[in-house]
C-alpha atoms as a PDB file:
ATOM      1  CA  MET A   1     194.156-115.526 200.912  1.00  0.00           C
ATOM      2  CA  LYS A   2     193.042-112.559 198.865  1.00  0.00           C
ATOM      3  CA  GLU A   3     190.978-109.799 200.468  1.00  0.00           C
ATOM      4  CA  ALA A   4     188.172-110.396 197.987  1.00  0.00           C
ATOM      5  CA  ASN A   5     187.908-114.012 199.159  1.00  0.00           C
ATOM      6  CA  ILE A   6     187.733-112.955 202.798  1.00  0.00           C
ATOM      7  CA  ILE A   7     184.971-110.478 202.025  1.00  0.00           C
ATOM      8  CA  ALA A   8     183.074-113.148 200.072  1.00  0.00           C
ATOM      9  CA  ILE A   9     183.223-115.498 203.067  1.00  0.00           C
ATOM     10  CA  GLU A  10     182.048-112.723 205.398  1.00  0.00           C
ATOM     11  CA  LYS A  11     179.154-111.915 203.044  1.00  0.00           C
ATOM     12  CA  ALA A  12     178.153-115.582 202.895  1.00  0.00           C
ATOM     13  CA  ALA A  13     178.319-115.734 206.704  1.00  0.00           C
ATOM     14  CA  LEU A  14     176.063-112.673 206.976  1.00  0.00           C
ATOM     15  CA  ASP A  15     173.631-114.214 204.489  1.00  0.00           C
ATOM     16  CA  PHE A  16     173.603-117.402 206.570  1.00  0.00           C
ATOM     17  CA  LEU A  17     172.969-115.469 209.802  1.00  0.00           C
ATOM     18  CA  LEU A  18     170.119-113.477 208.257  1.00  0.00           C
ATOM     19  CA  THR A  19     168.446-116.631 206.945  1.00  0.00           C
ATOM     20  CA  ALA A  20     168.914-118.446 210.262  1.00  0.00           C
ATOM     21  CA  ARG A  21     167.468-115.482 212.198  1.00  0.00           C
ATOM     22  CA  LYS A  22     164.399-115.360 209.981  1.00  0.00           C
ATOM     23  CA  GLU A  23     163.927-119.147 210.160  1.00  0.00           C
ATOM     24  CA  ALA A  24     164.130-118.917 213.956  1.00  0.00           C
ATOM     25  CA  GLY A  25     161.450-116.222 213.912  1.00  0.00           C
ATOM     26  CA  MET A  26     163.681-113.815 215.833  1.00  0.00           C
ATOM     27  CA  THR A  27     163.837-110.074 215.456  1.00  0.00           C
ATOM     28  CA  GLU A  28     167.170-108.259 215.311  1.00  0.00           C
ATOM     29  CA  ALA A  29     166.489-107.045 218.857  1.00  0.00           C
ATOM     30  CA  GLU A  30     165.850-110.565 220.173  1.00  0.00           C
ATOM     31  CA  LEU A  31     168.969-111.915 218.472  1.00  0.00           C
ATOM     32  CA  GLY A  32     171.043-109.037 219.799  1.00  0.00           C
ATOM     33  CA  GLN A  33     169.844-109.550 223.359  1.00  0.00           C
ATOM     34  CA  LYS A  34     170.599-113.254 223.197  1.00  0.00           C
ATOM     35  CA  ALA A  35     173.964-112.958 221.413  1.00  0.00           C
ATOM     36  CA  PHE A  36     175.294-109.867 223.198  1.00  0.00           C
ATOM     37  CA  PRO A  37     173.651-109.731 226.647  1.00  0.00           C
ATOM     38  CA  ASP A  38     176.398-107.491 228.087  1.00  0.00           C
ATOM     39  CA  SER A  39     176.199-104.928 225.292  1.00  0.00           C
ATOM     40  CA  PRO A  40     174.524-101.622 226.185  1.00  0.00           C
ATOM     41  CA  ASN A  41     172.688-101.638 222.827  1.00  0.00           C
ATOM     42  CA  PRO A  42     172.542-105.207 221.456  1.00  0.00           C
ATOM     43  CA  TRP A  43     170.001-104.411 218.707  1.00  0.00           C
ATOM     44  CA  SER A  44     172.309-101.764 217.299  1.00  0.00           C
ATOM     45  CA  LYS A  45     175.195-104.226 217.196  1.00  0.00           C
ATOM     46  CA  VAL A  46     173.170-106.709 215.137  1.00  0.00           C
ATOM     47  CA  HIS A  47     171.525-104.089 212.927  1.00  0.00           C
ATOM     48  CA  ALA A  48     174.893-102.508 212.086  1.00  0.00           C
ATOM     49  CA  LEU A  49     176.208-105.740 210.558  1.00  0.00           C
ATOM     50  CA  TRP A  50     173.820-105.343 207.637  1.00  0.00           C
ATOM     51  CA  ASN A  51     173.282-101.605 207.514  1.00  0.00           C
ATOM     52  CA  ALA A  52     176.202 -99.549 208.846  1.00  0.00           C
ATOM     53  CA  LYS A  53     179.027 -98.195 206.733  1.00  0.00           C
ATOM     54  CA  THR A  54     182.525 -97.078 207.620  1.00  0.00           C
ATOM     55  CA  ALA A  55     183.686 -93.510 207.086  1.00  0.00           C
ATOM     56  CA  SER A  56     184.888 -94.588 203.626  1.00  0.00           C
ATOM     57  CA  LYS A  57     181.369 -95.929 202.803  1.00  0.00           C
ATOM     58  CA  LYS A  58     182.368 -99.595 203.020  1.00  0.00           C
ATOM     59  CA  ASN A  59     180.276-102.202 204.811  1.00  0.00           C
ATOM     60  CA  LEU A  60     181.313-103.120 208.325  1.00  0.00           C
ATOM     61  CA  ARG A  61     183.331-106.322 208.604  1.00  0.00           C
ATOM     62  CA  LEU A  62     182.053-109.392 210.448  1.00  0.00           C
ATOM     63  CA  ARG A  63     184.295-110.325 213.346  1.00  0.00           C
ATOM     64  CA  LEU A  64     184.820-114.007 214.105  1.00  0.00           C
ATOM     65  CA  GLY A  65     183.778-113.603 217.739  1.00  0.00           C
ATOM     66  CA  ASP A  66     180.547-111.900 216.713  1.00  0.00           C
ATOM     67  CA  PHE A  67     179.838-114.680 214.209  1.00  0.00           C
ATOM     68  CA  CYS A  68     180.318-117.269 216.953  1.00  0.00           C
ATOM     69  CA  SER A  69     178.077-115.390 219.409  1.00  0.00           C
ATOM     70  CA  LEU A  70     175.346-114.975 216.815  1.00  0.00           C
ATOM     71  CA  CYS A  71     175.515-118.653 215.796  1.00  0.00           C
ATOM     72  CA  LEU A  72     175.256-119.795 219.396  1.00  0.00           C
ATOM     73  CA  ALA A  73     172.304-117.475 219.988  1.00  0.00           C
ATOM     74  CA  LEU A  74     170.610-119.118 217.002  1.00  0.00           C
ATOM     75  CA  GLY A  75     171.366-122.628 218.289  1.00  0.00           C
ATOM     76  CA  LYS A  76     173.972-123.249 215.584  1.00  0.00           C
ATOM     77  CA  ASN A  77     177.490-124.639 215.892  1.00  0.00           C
ATOM     78  CA  PRO A  78     179.789-121.843 214.657  1.00  0.00           C
ATOM     79  CA  ALA A  79     182.611-124.196 213.649  1.00  0.00           C
ATOM     80  CA  GLN A  80     180.293-126.410 211.633  1.00  0.00           C
ATOM     81  CA  GLU A  81     178.560-123.474 209.974  1.00  0.00           C
ATOM     82  CA  LEU A  82     181.857-121.795 209.108  1.00  0.00           C
ATOM     83  CA  LEU A  83     183.093-125.011 207.498  1.00  0.00           C
ATOM     84  CA  LEU A  84     179.934-125.198 205.377  1.00  0.00           C
ATOM     85  CA  ILE A  85     180.309-121.539 204.396  1.00  0.00           C
ATOM     86  CA  TRP A  86     184.002-122.080 203.613  1.00  0.00           C
ATOM     87  CA  ASN A  87     183.116-124.943 201.285  1.00  0.00           C
ATOM     88  CA  GLN A  88     180.481-122.840 199.471  1.00  0.00           C
ATOM     89  CA  VAL A  89     182.775-119.923 198.653  1.00  0.00           C
ATOM     90  CA  GLU A  90     185.521-120.089 196.077  1.00  0.00           C
ATOM     91  CA  HIS A  91     188.920-119.033 197.404  1.00  0.00           C
ATOM     92  CA  ASP A  92     192.442-118.674 196.108  1.00  0.00           C
END
């Protein structure tokens, strides 16, 4: 799979998570605490997904484990949601 396709899927996953968080009426801090209870700064972990950049000014990448944790914290099935996202995004 081409890198551009992977990035498109990650962007769609981030869009899904943002929409689901807002629909659940959760703040970034609440989602972070629920998804990453062992993290010393869970809000920062969630906030960085949409706002942080790498040293080369690229967006951070969404890790599969983080996607799963965030989905579960939102009451969503990560496998089901990923399949829906996969079917929405064109890939080569």
